[in-house]
All heavy atoms as atom14 arrays in JSON, in Angstrom:
{
  "sequence": "KEIKPKDFISFTTNSFATIELKEIFNGISPFSK",
  "atom14_mask": [
    [1, 1, 1, 1, 1, 1, 1, 1, 1, 0, 0, 0, 0, 0],
    [1, 1, 1, 1, 1, 1, 1, 1, 1, 0, 0, 0, 0, 0],
    [1, 1, 1, 1, 1, 1, 1, 1, 0, 0, 0, 0, 0, 0],
    [1, 1, 1, 1, 1, 1, 1, 1, 1, 0, 0, 0, 0, 0],
    [1, 1, 1, 1, 1, 1, 1, 0, 0, 0, 0, 0, 0, 0],
    [1, 1, 1, 1, 1, 1, 1, 1, 1, 0, 0, 0, 0, 0],
    [1, 1, 1, 1, 1, 1, 1, 1, 0, 0, 0, 0, 0, 0],
    [1, 1, 1, 1, 1, 1, 1, 1, 1, 1, 1, 0, 0, 0],
    [1, 1, 1, 1, 1, 1, 1, 1, 0, 0, 0, 0, 0, 0],
    [1, 1, 1, 1, 1, 1, 0, 0, 0, 0, 0, 0, 0, 0],
    [1, 1, 1, 1, 1, 1, 1, 1, 1, 1, 1, 0, 0, 0],
    [1, 1, 1, 1, 1, 1, 1, 0, 0, 0, 0, 0, 0, 0],
    [1, 1, 1, 1, 1, 1, 1, 0, 0, 0, 0, 0, 0, 0],
    [1, 1, 1, 1, 1, 1, 1, 1, 0, 0, 0, 0, 0, 0],
    [1, 1, 1, 1, 1, 1, 0, 0, 0, 0, 0, 0, 0, 0],
    [1, 1, 1, 1, 1, 1, 1, 1, 1, 1, 1, 0, 0, 0],
    [1, 1, 1, 1, 1, 0, 0, 0, 0, 0, 0, 0, 0, 0],
    [1, 1, 1, 1, 1, 1, 1, 0, 0, 0, 0, 0, 0, 0],
    [1, 1, 1, 1, 1, 1, 1, 1, 0, 0, 0, 0, 0, 0],
    [1, 1, 1, 1, 1, 1, 1, 1, 1, 0, 0, 0, 0, 0],
    [1, 1, 1, 1, 1, 1, 1, 1, 0, 0, 0, 0, 0, 0],
    [1, 1, 1, 1, 1, 1, 1, 1, 1, 0, 0, 0, 0, 0],
    [1, 1, 1, 1, 1, 1, 1, 1, 1, 0, 0, 0, 0, 0],
    [1, 1, 1, 1, 1, 1, 1, 1, 0, 0, 0, 0, 0, 0],
    [1, 1, 1, 1, 1, 1, 1, 1, 1, 1, 1, 0, 0, 0],
    [1, 1, 1, 1, 1, 1, 1, 1, 0, 0, 0, 0, 0, 0],
    [1, 1, 1, 1, 0, 0, 0, 0, 0, 0, 0, 0, 0, 0],
    [1, 1, 1, 1, 1, 1, 1, 1, 0, 0, 0, 0, 0, 0],
    [1, 1, 1, 1, 1, 1, 0, 0, 0, 0, 0, 0, 0, 0],
    [1, 1, 1, 1, 1, 1, 1, 0, 0, 0, 0, 0, 0, 0],
    [1, 1, 1, 1, 1, 1, 1, 1, 1, 1, 1, 0, 0, 0],
    [1, 1, 1, 1, 1, 1, 0, 0, 0, 0, 0, 0, 0, 0],
    [1, 1, 1, 1, 1, 1, 1, 1, 1, 0, 0, 0, 0, 0]
  ],
  "atom14_positions": [
    [[-23.33, -75.6, 6.94], [-22.53, -75.99, 5.79], [-23.24, -75.49, 4.54], [-24.44, -75.2, 4.56], [-22.36, -77.5, 5.73], [-23.65, -78.27, 5.58], [-23.37, -79.77, 5.53], [-24.67, -80.57, 5.41], [-24.43, -82.02, 5.35], [0.0, 0.0, 0.0], [0.0, 0.0, 0.0], [0.0, 0.0, 0.0], [0.0, 0.0, 0.0], [0.0, 0.0, 0.0]],
    [[-22.5, -75.36, 3.44], [-23.07, -74.87, 2.2], [-23.42, -76.05, 1.3], [-22.63, -76.97, 1.13], [-22.1, -73.93, 1.5], [-21.9, -72.62, 2.26], [-21.09, -71.61, 1.46], [-20.5, -72.01, 0.44], [-21.07, -70.43, 1.85], [0.0, 0.0, 0.0], [0.0, 0.0, 0.0], [0.0, 0.0, 0.0], [0.0, 0.0, 0.0], [0.0, 0.0, 0.0]],
    [[-24.63, -76.02, 0.74], [-25.08, -77.08, -0.15], [-25.69, -76.47, -1.4], [-26.15, -75.33, -1.4], [-26.13, -77.99, 0.53], [-27.36, -77.16, 0.96], [-25.53, -78.71, 1.72], [-28.51, -77.99, 1.45], [0.0, 0.0, 0.0], [0.0, 0.0, 0.0], [0.0, 0.0, 0.0], [0.0, 0.0, 0.0], [0.0, 0.0, 0.0], [0.0, 0.0, 0.0]],
    [[-25.71, -77.24, -2.48], [-26.36, -76.79, -3.71], [-27.88, -76.89, -3.55], [-28.38, -77.84, -2.96], [-25.93, -77.66, -4.89], [-24.61, -77.28, -5.52], [-24.39, -78.08, -6.78], [-23.09, -77.64, -7.47], [-22.88, -78.41, -8.72], [0.0, 0.0, 0.0], [0.0, 0.0, 0.0], [0.0, 0.0, 0.0], [0.0, 0.0, 0.0], [0.0, 0.0, 0.0]],
    [[-28.63, -75.91, -4.08], [-30.08, -76.05, -4.09], [-30.49, -77.26, -4.91], [-29.8, -77.64, -5.86], [-30.57, -74.75, -4.75], [-29.4, -73.82, -4.7], [-28.17, -74.66, -4.71], [0.0, 0.0, 0.0], [0.0, 0.0, 0.0], [0.0, 0.0, 0.0], [0.0, 0.0, 0.0], [0.0, 0.0, 0.0], [0.0, 0.0, 0.0], [0.0, 0.0, 0.0]],
    [[-31.61, -77.86, -4.56], [-32.13, -79.01, -5.3], [-33.33, -78.58, -6.14], [-33.94, -77.54, -5.89], [-32.5, -80.13, -4.34], [-31.3, -80.73, -3.6], [-31.72, -81.85, -2.69], [-30.51, -82.55, -2.08], [-29.66, -81.67, -1.3], [0.0, 0.0, 0.0], [0.0, 0.0, 0.0], [0.0, 0.0, 0.0], [0.0, 0.0, 0.0], [0.0, 0.0, 0.0]],
    [[-33.67, -79.4, -7.13], [-34.76, -79.04, -8.04], [-36.12, -79.5, -7.52], [-37.1, -79.52, -8.28], [-34.51, -79.61, -9.44], [-34.42, -81.13, -9.45], [-34.61, -81.76, -8.4], [-34.15, -81.7, -10.54], [0.0, 0.0, 0.0], [0.0, 0.0, 0.0], [0.0, 0.0, 0.0], [0.0, 0.0, 0.0], [0.0, 0.0, 0.0], [0.0, 0.0, 0.0]],
    [[-36.22, -79.83, -6.25], [-37.46, -80.29, -5.64], [-37.71, -79.46, -4.4], [-36.89, -79.45, -3.47], [-37.34, -81.78, -5.29], [-38.63, -82.42, -4.87], [-39.53, -82.88, -5.81], [-38.95, -82.58, -3.52], [-40.72, -83.49, -5.43], [-40.12, -83.17, -3.13], [-41.02, -83.63, -4.09], [0.0, 0.0, 0.0], [0.0, 0.0, 0.0], [0.0, 0.0, 0.0]],
    [[-38.83, -78.74, -4.37], [-39.12, -77.82, -3.27], [-40.36, -78.32, -2.54], [-41.44, -78.41, -3.12], [-39.36, -76.39, -3.81], [-38.13, -75.91, -4.58], [-39.69, -75.43, -2.66], [-38.36, -74.59, -5.32], [0.0, 0.0, 0.0], [0.0, 0.0, 0.0], [0.0, 0.0, 0.0], [0.0, 0.0, 0.0], [0.0, 0.0, 0.0], [0.0, 0.0, 0.0]],
    [[-40.21, -78.63, -1.26], [-41.33, -79.2, -0.51], [-41.49, -78.6, 0.89], [-42.25, -79.1, 1.69], [-41.16, -80.72, -0.39], [-39.95, -81.05, 0.27], [0.0, 0.0, 0.0], [0.0, 0.0, 0.0], [0.0, 0.0, 0.0], [0.0, 0.0, 0.0], [0.0, 0.0, 0.0], [0.0, 0.0, 0.0], [0.0, 0.0, 0.0], [0.0, 0.0, 0.0]],
    [[-40.74, -77.51, 1.17], [-40.76, -76.98, 2.53], [-41.88, -75.98, 2.79], [-42.09, -75.54, 3.91], [-39.41, -76.33, 2.87], [-39.08, -75.12, 2.04], [-39.57, -73.86, 2.38], [-38.29, -75.24, 0.91], [-39.27, -72.75, 1.62], [-37.98, -74.13, 0.14], [-38.48, -72.88, 0.5], [0.0, 0.0, 0.0], [0.0, 0.0, 0.0], [0.0, 0.0, 0.0]],
    [[-42.6, -75.6, 1.74], [-43.67, -74.61, 1.91], [-44.78, -74.9, 0.92], [-44.55, -75.52, -0.13], [-43.14, -73.18, 1.72], [-44.16, -72.25, 2.09], [-42.7, -72.92, 0.28], [0.0, 0.0, 0.0], [0.0, 0.0, 0.0], [0.0, 0.0, 0.0], [0.0, 0.0, 0.0], [0.0, 0.0, 0.0], [0.0, 0.0, 0.0], [0.0, 0.0, 0.0]],
    [[-46.0, -74.46, 1.23], [-47.16, -74.81, 0.43], [-48.07, -73.6, 0.22], [-47.89, -72.55, 0.84], [-47.98, -75.91, 1.12], [-48.52, -75.39, 2.35], [-47.12, -77.13, 1.42], [0.0, 0.0, 0.0], [0.0, 0.0, 0.0], [0.0, 0.0, 0.0], [0.0, 0.0, 0.0], [0.0, 0.0, 0.0], [0.0, 0.0, 0.0], [0.0, 0.0, 0.0]],
    [[-49.09, -73.8, -0.62], [-50.09, -72.75, -0.82], [-50.84, -72.43, 0.47], [-51.22, -71.28, 0.71], [-51.11, -73.19, -1.87], [-50.76, -72.67, -3.26], [-50.89, -73.38, -4.23], [-50.3, -71.43, -3.36], [0.0, 0.0, 0.0], [0.0, 0.0, 0.0], [0.0, 0.0, 0.0], [0.0, 0.0, 0.0], [0.0, 0.0, 0.0], [0.0, 0.0, 0.0]],
    [[-51.06, -73.44, 1.31], [-51.81, -73.2, 2.54], [-51.04, -72.25, 3.46], [-51.64, -71.42, 4.15], [-52.09, -74.52, 3.27], [-50.89, -75.2, 3.6], [0.0, 0.0, 0.0], [0.0, 0.0, 0.0], [0.0, 0.0, 0.0], [0.0, 0.0, 0.0], [0.0, 0.0, 0.0], [0.0, 0.0, 0.0], [0.0, 0.0, 0.0], [0.0, 0.0, 0.0]],
    [[-49.7, -72.34, 3.44], [-48.9, -71.4, 4.22], [-49.13, -69.97, 3.73], [-49.27, -69.04, 4.52], [-47.41, -71.76, 4.11], [-46.5, -70.78, 4.8], [-46.16, -70.93, 6.13], [-45.96, -69.69, 4.1], [-45.33, -70.02, 6.76], [-45.13, -68.78, 4.73], [-44.81, -68.95, 6.07], [0.0, 0.0, 0.0], [0.0, 0.0, 0.0], [0.0, 0.0, 0.0]],
    [[-49.19, -69.83, 2.4], [-49.39, -68.5, 1.82], [-50.76, -67.95, 2.19], [-50.91, -66.75, 2.47], [-49.24, -68.57, 0.3], [0.0, 0.0, 0.0], [0.0, 0.0, 0.0], [0.0, 0.0, 0.0], [0.0, 0.0, 0.0], [0.0, 0.0, 0.0], [0.0, 0.0, 0.0], [0.0, 0.0, 0.0], [0.0, 0.0, 0.0], [0.0, 0.0, 0.0]],
    [[-51.78, -68.81, 2.19], [-53.13, -68.37, 2.54], [-53.2, -67.93, 3.99], [-53.81, -66.9, 4.32], [-54.14, -69.51, 2.28], [-54.09, -69.87, 0.9], [-55.55, -69.08, 2.63], [0.0, 0.0, 0.0], [0.0, 0.0, 0.0], [0.0, 0.0, 0.0], [0.0, 0.0, 0.0], [0.0, 0.0, 0.0], [0.0, 0.0, 0.0], [0.0, 0.0, 0.0]],
    [[-52.57, -68.69, 4.89], [-52.54, -68.32, 6.31], [-51.85, -66.97, 6.48], [-52.31, -66.1, 7.23], [-51.81, -69.41, 7.12], [-52.66, -70.69, 7.14], [-51.53, -68.93, 8.55], [-51.93, -71.9, 7.71], [0.0, 0.0, 0.0], [0.0, 0.0, 0.0], [0.0, 0.0, 0.0], [0.0, 0.0, 0.0], [0.0, 0.0, 0.0], [0.0, 0.0, 0.0]],
    [[-50.75, -66.79, 5.77], [-49.98, -65.54, 5.85], [-50.84, -64.36, 5.39], [-50.88, -63.31, 6.05], [-48.73, -65.67, 4.97], [-47.8, -64.48, 5.01], [-46.55, -64.72, 4.18], [-46.68, -65.21, 3.02], [-45.45, -64.44, 4.67], [0.0, 0.0, 0.0], [0.0, 0.0, 0.0], [0.0, 0.0, 0.0], [0.0, 0.0, 0.0], [0.0, 0.0, 0.0]],
    [[-51.56, -64.53, 4.3], [-52.38, -63.45, 3.78], [-53.56, -63.14, 4.7], [-53.93, -61.97, 4.88], [-52.89, -63.83, 2.38], [-53.13, -62.67, 1.39], [-51.88, -61.81, 1.25], [-53.56, -63.22, 0.03], [0.0, 0.0, 0.0], [0.0, 0.0, 0.0], [0.0, 0.0, 0.0], [0.0, 0.0, 0.0], [0.0, 0.0, 0.0], [0.0, 0.0, 0.0]],
    [[-54.11, -64.18, 5.32], [-55.21, -63.96, 6.27], [-54.73, -63.17, 7.5], [-55.46, -62.35, 8.05], [-55.8, -65.29, 6.71], [-56.7, -65.94, 5.66], [-57.31, -67.24, 6.19], [-58.28, -67.84, 5.19], [-58.87, -69.11, 5.68], [0.0, 0.0, 0.0], [0.0, 0.0, 0.0], [0.0, 0.0, 0.0], [0.0, 0.0, 0.0], [0.0, 0.0, 0.0]],
    [[-53.49, -63.4, 7.93], [-52.94, -62.64, 9.06], [-52.77, -61.18, 8.69], [-52.98, -60.28, 9.51], [-51.61, -63.24, 9.48], [-51.71, -64.6, 10.15], [-50.35, -65.18, 10.5], [-49.33, -64.65, 10.0], [-50.3, -66.16, 11.27], [0.0, 0.0, 0.0], [0.0, 0.0, 0.0], [0.0, 0.0, 0.0], [0.0, 0.0, 0.0], [0.0, 0.0, 0.0]],
    [[-52.4, -60.92, 7.44], [-52.2, -59.54, 7.0], [-53.53, -58.82, 6.82], [-53.65, -57.63, 7.1], [-51.38, -59.53, 5.69], [-49.97, -60.07, 5.93], [-51.3, -58.11, 5.11], [-49.16, -60.28, 4.66], [0.0, 0.0, 0.0], [0.0, 0.0, 0.0], [0.0, 0.0, 0.0], [0.0, 0.0, 0.0], [0.0, 0.0, 0.0], [0.0, 0.0, 0.0]],
    [[-54.56, -59.57, 6.36], [-55.86, -58.96, 6.08], [-56.94, -59.39, 7.09], [-58.12, -59.48, 6.74], [-56.29, -59.29, 4.65], [-55.53, -58.54, 3.61], [-54.38, -59.07, 3.05], [-55.95, -57.28, 3.19], [-53.67, -58.37, 2.08], [-55.24, -56.57, 2.23], [-54.09, -57.12, 1.67], [0.0, 0.0, 0.0], [0.0, 0.0, 0.0], [0.0, 0.0, 0.0]],
    [[-56.51, -59.7, 8.31], [-57.44, -59.96, 9.43], [-58.49, -61.03, 9.12], [-59.69, -60.79, 9.16], [-58.14, -58.67, 9.86], [-57.19, -57.7, 10.56], [-56.12, -58.12, 10.99], [-57.56, -56.45, 10.65], [0.0, 0.0, 0.0], [0.0, 0.0, 0.0], [0.0, 0.0, 0.0], [0.0, 0.0, 0.0], [0.0, 0.0, 0.0], [0.0, 0.0, 0.0]],
    [[-57.99, -62.22, 8.8], [-58.88, -63.36, 8.63], [-59.45, -63.53, 7.25], [-60.16, -64.51, 6.98], [0.0, 0.0, 0.0], [0.0, 0.0, 0.0], [0.0, 0.0, 0.0], [0.0, 0.0, 0.0], [0.0, 0.0, 0.0], [0.0, 0.0, 0.0], [0.0, 0.0, 0.0], [0.0, 0.0, 0.0], [0.0, 0.0, 0.0], [0.0, 0.0, 0.0]],
    [[-59.18, -62.61, 6.35], [-59.69, -62.69, 4.98], [-58.52, -62.94, 4.03], [-57.46, -62.32, 4.15], [-60.41, -61.39, 4.58], [-61.58, -61.12, 5.51], [-60.87, -61.45, 3.13], [-62.2, -59.76, 5.3], [0.0, 0.0, 0.0], [0.0, 0.0, 0.0], [0.0, 0.0, 0.0], [0.0, 0.0, 0.0], [0.0, 0.0, 0.0], [0.0, 0.0, 0.0]],
    [[-58.7, -63.86, 3.09], [-57.7, -64.07, 2.04], [-58.25, -63.49, 0.74], [-59.05, -64.12, 0.05], [-57.38, -65.55, 1.86], [-56.4, -65.73, 0.86], [0.0, 0.0, 0.0], [0.0, 0.0, 0.0], [0.0, 0.0, 0.0], [0.0, 0.0, 0.0], [0.0, 0.0, 0.0], [0.0, 0.0, 0.0], [0.0, 0.0, 0.0], [0.0, 0.0, 0.0]],
    [[-57.85, -62.25, 0.39], [-58.47, -61.56, -0.75], [-57.91, -61.97, -2.1], [-58.24, -61.35, -3.11], [-58.13, -60.1, -0.45], [-56.82, -60.16, 0.26], [-56.85, -61.42, 1.07], [0.0, 0.0, 0.0], [0.0, 0.0, 0.0], [0.0, 0.0, 0.0], [0.0, 0.0, 0.0], [0.0, 0.0, 0.0], [0.0, 0.0, 0.0], [0.0, 0.0, 0.0]],
    [[-57.06, -63.01, -2.13], [-56.42, -63.41, -3.38], [-56.34, -64.92, -3.41], [-55.89, -65.54, -2.45], [-55.03, -62.78, -3.48], [-54.37, -62.94, -4.81], [-54.65, -62.08, -5.86], [-53.45, -63.97, -5.03], [-54.03, -62.23, -7.09], [-52.83, -64.12, -6.26], [-53.13, -63.25, -7.29], [0.0, 0.0, 0.0], [0.0, 0.0, 0.0], [0.0, 0.0, 0.0]],
    [[-56.76, -65.55, -4.51], [-56.76, -67.0, -4.58], [-55.38, -67.53, -4.98], [-54.71, -66.96, -5.84], [-57.8, -67.48, -5.6], [-57.49, -67.02, -6.9], [0.0, 0.0, 0.0], [0.0, 0.0, 0.0], [0.0, 0.0, 0.0], [0.0, 0.0, 0.0], [0.0, 0.0, 0.0], [0.0, 0.0, 0.0], [0.0, 0.0, 0.0], [0.0, 0.0, 0.0]],
    [[-54.97, -68.6, -4.33], [-53.7, -69.29, -4.61], [-52.49, -68.35, -4.61], [-51.72, -68.3, -5.59], [-53.79, -70.06, -5.93], [-54.84, -71.16, -5.92], [-54.85, -71.93, -7.22], [-55.91, -73.03, -7.19], [-55.97, -73.79, -8.47], [0.0, 0.0, 0.0], [0.0, 0.0, 0.0], [0.0, 0.0, 0.0], [0.0, 0.0, 0.0], [0.0, 0.0, 0.0]]
  ]
}
């Protein structure tokens, strides 16, 4: 079903981004936050 976006976002975090970057750069996160 179609819904309006809400002004509160909680489905993803900085830690997800760090894990993603480590996978791309083989265990190293070369960029903070």
